[in-house]
Amino acid sequence: MRRWPILLLVLAPLATCSPAGDVLENQAALYESVVWPEPPQQARIRLVATFGEPEEIGIRPSVFGRLWGWIAGAEPRHMVRPYAIAVKGERLAVADPGARAVHLYDLAGRDYERIEWADKQSLRSPVGVAFAGEALYVADSALGNIFVFDAQGKLTRTIGGLDRPTGLAWDDEAGRLYVTDTLSHSVVVLDSEGKRLFEFGGRGAGDGEFNYPSHLALAGGRLYVNDTMNFRLQVFDRDGNFVSSFGRHGDGSGDFAQPKGVGLDSEGHIYVADALFNRVQIFDGQGRLLLAFGGDGAAPGEFWLPGGLHIAQDRIYVADSYNRRVQIFQFLGGA
């Protein structure tokens, strides 16, 4: 009978925590000098935050969650090998094939969830995520399926018939899901119910052909596809018609060595994460290099095999895979 008051006194301080937004702003102040390019040039990119666990962005377990963890053993909450990111408002999803899980962060509600199961089947290699309204689409490359979860993390649909689904991009305007099917060297387009509408691509090096495509992004009515082993980025309209491409294999500035995540800011600049360069390169619409940020290492702003990236409201979220964290940057305009 005497243990509970003591236990509650111990747990009471744990019930309070700063809002996640405040934590991000505090980190942003801490990293104010981590910018690209360096002074005296005008800064275009600034580091905002880094985190590998929910606690690092102000999300802590509830009092009873910590009590249960104390009794039953806490479940892991850290990232192992984050690979892809999706952002919708204050919700953030991180696909983590190293943990065989998807991490879900609600910054407004200061809540964290971890999806490891699709009904009775455990995830094996979740490598793609996309929000569609309240729904979350998850591509599992090993299982060859796309799983659809509701806002509570409950499985509502399984979409099969794919060889190796990887990148995902949702089109709010058309109600379509774009999927890179890496082993079939194609992009598959599905409707909101998971019905296949059409696909385009095929293996090759010509315009509109692919060699193991992976990440993709949709912006301004254009679909940007990382044509990984052709070491280029291809651009299409919403119906899969080829528009343009740029990129080549090499180790110089503006070249690609192992391109992965792609995204666009509000001014139409194209961002491509390169795992072997440990940098994110920024191009204009014609494929001319404007700036690169990052570098080799584990310090804030440095990368170790970065993977996917997502840009929302000019915040650039990068999966810093082998540093087991996500880093958030801000586009400051005028790059």
Protein backbone atom coordinates (compact mmCIF):
# COMPACT_ATOMS: atom_id res chain seq x y z
CA MET A 1 0.00 0.00 0.00
CA ARG A 2 2.90 2.38 0.61
CA ARG A 3 4.64 1.75 -2.71
CA TRP A 4 2.16 3.57 -4.97
CA PRO A 5 2.52 7.10 -3.48
CA ILE A 6 6.30 6.77 -3.71
CA LEU A 7 6.07 5.46 -7.27
CA LEU A 8 3.75 8.28 -8.30
CA LEU A 9 6.12 10.84 -6.83
CA VAL A 10 8.90 9.35 -8.89
CA LEU A 11 6.82 9.29 -12.06
CA ALA A 12 5.19 12.69 -11.67
CA PRO A 13 8.10 14.68 -13.15
CA LEU A 14 8.08 12.30 -16.12
CA ALA A 15 4.56 13.32 -17.05
CA THR A 16 5.65 16.79 -18.11
CA CYS A 17 7.53 17.52 -21.29
CA SER A 18 8.05 20.40 -23.68
CA PRO A 19 5.95 20.52 -26.83
CA ALA A 20 7.73 18.96 -29.77
CA GLY A 21 7.55 22.23 -31.68
CA ASP A 22 9.40 24.01 -28.87
CA VAL A 23 12.08 21.33 -28.92
CA LEU A 24 12.57 21.81 -32.67
CA GLU A 25 12.87 25.55 -32.19
CA ASN A 26 15.39 25.03 -29.40
CA GLN A 27 17.44 22.76 -31.63
CA ALA A 28 17.19 25.26 -34.46
CA ALA A 29 18.69 27.92 -32.19
CA LEU A 30 21.46 25.51 -31.22
CA TYR A 31 22.30 24.80 -34.88
CA GLU A 32 21.93 28.38 -36.09
CA SER A 33 25.52 28.44 -37.35
CA VAL A 34 25.25 25.13 -39.28
CA VAL A 35 24.49 26.59 -42.70
CA TRP A 36 25.36 26.19 -46.38
CA PRO A 37 27.11 27.91 -48.00
CA GLU A 38 29.37 29.11 -45.20
CA PRO A 39 29.78 32.80 -44.39
CA PRO A 40 30.44 35.31 -45.77
CA GLN A 41 28.14 33.96 -48.49
CA GLN A 42 24.40 34.22 -47.90
CA ALA A 43 23.04 31.08 -46.20
CA ARG A 44 20.55 29.08 -48.26
CA ILE A 45 20.22 25.90 -46.16
CA ARG A 46 20.20 25.69 -42.35
CA LEU A 47 20.12 22.70 -40.02
CA VAL A 48 17.02 22.70 -37.82
CA ALA A 49 17.08 19.44 -35.84
CA THR A 50 18.36 15.89 -35.62
CA PHE A 51 16.71 12.97 -33.86
CA GLY A 52 16.92 9.20 -33.63
CA GLU A 53 14.46 8.71 -30.77
CA PRO A 54 11.11 10.39 -30.08
CA GLU A 55 12.40 11.86 -26.82
CA GLU A 56 14.82 13.99 -28.82
CA ILE A 57 11.89 15.90 -30.32
CA GLY A 58 9.95 16.18 -27.08
CA ILE A 59 7.81 13.03 -27.40
CA ARG A 60 7.93 10.99 -24.21
CA PRO A 61 5.92 8.00 -23.00
CA SER A 62 2.98 8.75 -20.75
CA VAL A 63 3.24 8.09 -17.03
CA PHE A 64 1.42 4.79 -17.40
CA GLY A 65 3.41 3.93 -20.50
CA ARG A 66 6.59 4.32 -18.51
CA LEU A 67 5.09 2.36 -15.65
CA TRP A 68 4.22 -0.49 -18.01
CA GLY A 69 7.70 -0.34 -19.52
CA TRP A 70 9.16 -0.55 -16.02
CA ILE A 71 7.03 -3.63 -15.32
CA ALA A 72 7.10 -5.44 -18.67
CA GLY A 73 10.24 -4.08 -20.29
CA ALA A 74 10.23 -1.11 -22.63
CA GLU A 75 9.82 -1.67 -26.36
CA PRO A 76 12.55 -0.16 -28.56
CA ARG A 77 11.81 3.36 -29.81
CA HIS A 78 15.06 4.22 -31.59
CA MET A 79 15.77 4.09 -35.31
CA VAL A 80 18.00 1.35 -36.69
CA ARG A 81 18.33 2.15 -40.41
CA PRO A 82 15.82 4.82 -41.46
CA TYR A 83 15.32 4.78 -45.20
CA ALA A 84 12.25 6.75 -46.32
CA ILE A 85 10.20 9.61 -44.92
CA ALA A 86 6.70 11.03 -45.40
CA VAL A 87 5.28 14.17 -43.79
CA LYS A 88 1.65 15.27 -43.52
CA GLY A 89 1.06 18.34 -41.38
CA GLU A 90 2.39 17.48 -37.93
CA ARG A 91 2.58 13.74 -38.69
CA LEU A 92 5.89 12.16 -39.66
CA ALA A 93 6.39 8.57 -40.84
CA VAL A 94 9.83 6.96 -41.15
CA ALA A 95 10.27 3.59 -42.87
CA ASP A 96 13.01 1.65 -41.08
CA PRO A 97 13.94 -1.67 -42.75
CA GLY A 98 16.67 -2.17 -40.15
CA ALA A 99 14.03 -2.28 -37.42
CA ARG A 100 11.44 -3.96 -39.68
CA ALA A 101 9.10 -1.20 -38.61
CA VAL A 102 7.61 2.17 -39.44
CA HIS A 103 8.01 4.92 -36.85
CA LEU A 104 5.05 7.31 -36.54
CA TYR A 105 5.48 10.67 -34.82
CA ASP A 106 2.65 13.07 -34.05
CA LEU A 107 4.38 16.36 -33.22
CA ALA A 108 1.15 18.15 -32.31
CA GLY A 109 -0.13 15.39 -30.04
CA ARG A 110 3.36 14.48 -28.80
CA ASP A 111 2.66 10.85 -29.59
CA TYR A 112 4.78 8.01 -30.97
CA GLU A 113 3.67 4.71 -32.46
CA ARG A 114 5.60 1.87 -34.05
CA ILE A 115 4.06 -0.31 -36.79
CA GLU A 116 5.67 -3.74 -36.97
CA TRP A 117 2.74 -5.86 -38.14
CA ALA A 118 0.30 -5.80 -41.02
CA ASP A 119 -2.51 -7.69 -39.34
CA LYS A 120 -0.92 -11.09 -38.59
CA GLN A 121 2.08 -10.64 -40.89
CA SER A 122 5.22 -8.94 -39.65
CA LEU A 123 6.87 -6.33 -41.82
CA ARG A 124 10.17 -7.47 -43.33
CA SER A 125 11.58 -4.59 -45.34
CA PRO A 126 9.48 -1.40 -45.20
CA VAL A 127 11.25 1.00 -47.58
CA GLY A 128 8.54 3.39 -48.78
CA VAL A 129 5.89 5.52 -47.06
CA ALA A 130 3.28 8.02 -48.21
CA PHE A 131 0.34 9.75 -46.55
CA ALA A 132 -3.00 9.99 -48.35
CA GLY A 133 -5.28 11.99 -46.12
CA GLU A 134 -5.45 10.07 -42.85
CA ALA A 135 -4.23 6.85 -44.47
CA LEU A 136 -0.62 5.71 -44.55
CA TYR A 137 0.75 3.60 -47.41
CA VAL A 138 3.77 1.39 -46.64
CA ALA A 139 5.79 -0.42 -49.33
CA ASP A 140 7.51 -3.62 -48.17
CA SER A 141 10.08 -4.59 -50.80
CA ALA A 142 10.70 -8.08 -49.41
CA LEU A 143 7.02 -9.03 -49.17
CA GLY A 144 6.17 -7.40 -52.51
CA ASN A 145 3.14 -5.70 -50.99
CA ILE A 146 1.86 -2.24 -50.19
CA PHE A 147 0.00 -2.07 -46.87
CA VAL A 148 -2.56 0.65 -46.11
CA PHE A 149 -3.11 1.70 -42.48
CA ASP A 150 -5.68 4.06 -41.00
CA ALA A 151 -4.90 6.91 -38.59
CA GLN A 152 -4.88 4.45 -35.67
CA GLY A 153 -2.33 2.19 -37.36
CA LYS A 154 -4.89 -0.50 -38.23
CA LEU A 155 -4.43 -2.36 -41.51
CA THR A 156 -7.27 -1.59 -43.92
CA ARG A 157 -5.98 -2.97 -47.24
CA THR A 158 -3.16 -4.98 -48.79
CA ILE A 159 -2.12 -4.30 -52.39
CA GLY A 160 -0.22 -7.09 -54.12
CA GLY A 161 0.87 -7.95 -57.64
CA LEU A 162 4.18 -6.08 -57.49
CA ASP A 163 7.71 -7.46 -57.79
CA ARG A 164 9.58 -5.10 -55.48
CA PRO A 165 7.70 -1.91 -54.54
CA THR A 166 10.00 0.77 -53.17
CA GLY A 167 9.27 4.48 -53.61
CA LEU A 168 5.76 5.91 -53.10
CA ALA A 169 4.21 9.25 -54.01
CA TRP A 170 0.57 10.19 -53.49
CA ASP A 171 -1.22 12.59 -55.84
CA ASP A 172 -3.91 14.44 -53.88
CA GLU A 173 -5.37 16.10 -56.97
CA ALA A 174 -5.83 12.95 -59.04
CA GLY A 175 -6.27 10.50 -56.15
CA ARG A 176 -3.48 8.29 -57.45
CA LEU A 177 -0.54 6.45 -55.92
CA TYR A 178 2.71 6.26 -57.90
CA VAL A 179 4.94 3.29 -57.08
CA THR A 180 8.42 2.44 -58.30
CA ASP A 181 8.50 -1.31 -58.91
CA THR A 182 12.26 -1.69 -58.89
CA LEU A 183 12.62 -5.24 -60.19
CA SER A 184 10.18 -4.65 -63.05
CA HIS A 185 12.01 -1.40 -63.95
CA SER A 186 8.73 0.48 -64.06
CA VAL A 187 6.44 2.96 -62.33
CA VAL A 188 2.99 1.58 -61.48
CA VAL A 189 0.04 3.91 -60.97
CA LEU A 190 -2.84 2.84 -58.69
CA ASP A 191 -6.15 4.43 -57.81
CA SER A 192 -7.27 5.11 -54.24
CA GLU A 193 -8.66 1.56 -53.95
CA GLY A 194 -5.40 -0.04 -55.06
CA LYS A 195 -6.57 -0.85 -58.59
CA ARG A 196 -3.83 -0.70 -61.21
CA LEU A 197 -4.55 2.12 -63.67
CA PHE A 198 -1.46 1.93 -65.85
CA GLU A 199 2.31 1.58 -65.73
CA PHE A 200 5.20 2.92 -67.72
CA GLY A 201 8.90 2.25 -68.16
CA GLY A 202 10.70 -0.97 -68.93
CA ARG A 203 14.37 -1.80 -68.69
CA GLY A 204 16.74 0.30 -70.75
CA ALA A 205 18.68 3.55 -70.97
CA GLY A 206 16.46 5.47 -73.39
CA ASP A 207 14.04 8.25 -72.52
CA GLY A 208 11.30 6.86 -70.30
CA GLU A 209 13.16 3.60 -69.63
CA PHE A 210 14.61 2.61 -66.26
CA ASN A 211 17.39 0.62 -64.69
CA TYR A 212 16.29 -0.21 -61.13
CA PRO A 213 14.31 2.95 -60.28
CA SER A 214 13.86 3.68 -56.59
CA HIS A 215 12.76 6.95 -54.97
CA LEU A 216 10.33 9.40 -56.52
CA ALA A 217 8.55 12.67 -55.77
CA LEU A 218 5.53 14.50 -57.17
CA ALA A 219 5.50 18.31 -57.35
CA GLY A 220 3.97 20.92 -59.64
CA GLY A 221 2.24 18.32 -61.78
CA ARG A 222 5.53 16.57 -62.52
CA LEU A 223 6.78 13.19 -61.35
CA TYR A 224 10.50 12.99 -60.58
CA VAL A 225 11.93 9.45 -60.65
CA ASN A 226 15.38 8.42 -59.46
CA ASP A 227 16.56 6.14 -62.27
CA THR A 228 19.17 4.70 -59.93
CA MET A 229 21.43 2.52 -62.04
CA ASN A 230 21.20 4.83 -65.04
CA PHE A 231 22.53 7.49 -62.62
CA ARG A 232 20.00 10.09 -63.66
CA LEU A 233 16.75 11.73 -62.68
CA GLN A 234 13.85 11.46 -65.11
CA VAL A 235 10.87 13.80 -65.17
CA PHE A 236 7.37 12.82 -66.36
CA ASP A 237 3.92 14.35 -66.42
CA ARG A 238 1.12 12.82 -64.34
CA ASP A 239 0.23 10.40 -67.14
CA GLY A 240 3.74 8.98 -67.45
CA ASN A 241 4.81 10.94 -70.52
CA PHE A 242 8.53 11.68 -70.61
CA VAL A 243 9.46 15.34 -70.13
CA SER A 244 13.21 15.53 -69.47
CA SER A 245 16.17 13.99 -67.66
CA PHE A 246 19.55 14.92 -66.27
CA GLY A 247 22.48 13.31 -64.51
CA ARG A 248 25.45 11.07 -65.18
CA HIS A 249 27.68 8.63 -63.33
CA GLY A 250 30.81 10.16 -61.83
CA ASP A 251 32.53 11.47 -58.73
CA GLY A 252 32.49 15.18 -59.50
CA SER A 253 30.16 17.93 -58.39
CA GLY A 254 26.75 17.42 -59.97
CA ASP A 255 27.46 13.77 -60.83
CA PHE A 256 25.67 10.81 -59.23
CA ALA A 257 27.33 7.86 -57.48
CA GLN A 258 24.41 6.28 -55.59
CA PRO A 259 21.41 8.59 -55.88
CA LYS A 260 18.47 7.97 -53.58
CA GLY A 261 15.89 10.38 -52.18
CA VAL A 262 14.46 13.21 -54.28
CA GLY A 263 12.31 16.23 -53.46
CA LEU A 264 11.50 19.81 -54.51
CA ASP A 265 11.27 23.07 -52.58
CA SER A 266 8.80 25.91 -53.11
CA GLU A 267 11.01 27.54 -55.76
CA GLY A 268 11.25 24.38 -57.88
CA HIS A 269 14.81 23.42 -56.96
CA ILE A 270 15.44 19.67 -57.14
CA TYR A 271 17.15 17.91 -54.22
CA VAL A 272 18.85 14.53 -54.63
CA ALA A 273 20.47 12.63 -51.74
CA ASP A 274 23.53 10.63 -52.76
CA ALA A 275 24.51 7.85 -50.37
CA LEU A 276 28.10 7.51 -51.55
CA PHE A 277 28.75 11.25 -51.61
CA ASN A 278 27.12 11.66 -48.18
CA ARG A 279 25.58 14.86 -49.48
CA VAL A 280 22.37 16.32 -50.80
CA GLN A 281 22.83 18.09 -54.13
CA ILE A 282 20.49 20.85 -55.28
CA PHE A 283 19.78 21.43 -58.98
CA ASP A 284 17.73 23.91 -60.93
CA GLY A 285 14.98 22.79 -63.31
CA GLN A 286 17.48 22.27 -66.12
CA GLY A 287 19.68 19.99 -64.03
CA ARG A 288 22.42 22.53 -63.27
CA LEU A 289 24.05 22.13 -59.88
CA LEU A 290 23.38 25.02 -57.52
CA LEU A 291 24.61 23.85 -54.13
CA ALA A 292 25.43 20.77 -52.07
CA PHE A 293 25.15 20.31 -48.32
CA GLY A 294 26.20 17.69 -45.82
CA GLY A 295 29.53 15.86 -45.63
CA ASP A 296 31.06 12.64 -44.32
CA GLY A 297 30.62 11.99 -40.61
CA ALA A 298 28.28 11.83 -37.64
CA ALA A 299 28.29 15.44 -36.46
CA PRO A 300 25.13 17.53 -36.89
CA GLY A 301 24.69 18.25 -40.59
CA GLU A 302 26.91 15.37 -41.70
CA PHE A 303 25.70 12.09 -43.25
CA TRP A 304 26.53 8.41 -43.36
CA LEU A 305 24.79 6.79 -46.34
CA PRO A 306 21.72 9.05 -46.51
CA GLY A 307 18.63 7.52 -48.08
CA GLY A 308 15.20 9.02 -48.67
CA LEU A 309 14.22 12.63 -48.24
CA HIS A 310 10.97 14.55 -48.08
CA ILE A 311 10.33 18.27 -48.40
CA ALA A 312 7.30 19.91 -46.78
CA GLN A 313 6.90 23.68 -46.43
CA ASP A 314 10.59 24.08 -47.36
CA ARG A 315 11.71 21.83 -44.53
CA ILE A 316 13.98 19.09 -45.83
CA TYR A 317 13.76 15.79 -43.94
CA VAL A 318 16.68 13.44 -44.69
CA ALA A 319 16.98 9.80 -43.60
CA ASP A 320 20.58 9.68 -42.36
CA SER A 321 20.50 5.89 -42.54
CA TYR A 322 23.71 4.66 -40.93
CA ASN A 323 23.81 7.46 -38.37
CA ARG A 324 20.41 6.06 -37.27
CA ARG A 325 18.64 9.40 -37.34
CA VAL A 326 16.60 11.88 -39.32
CA GLN A 327 18.01 15.34 -39.91
CA ILE A 328 15.78 18.32 -40.66
CA PHE A 329 16.99 21.30 -42.66
CA GLN A 330 15.34 24.54 -43.75
CA PHE A 331 15.51 26.08 -47.21
CA LEU A 332 16.02 29.79 -46.57
CA GLY A 333 15.20 30.92 -50.11
CA GLY A 334 17.15 32.04 -53.13
CA ALA A 335 19.43 29.05 -53.70
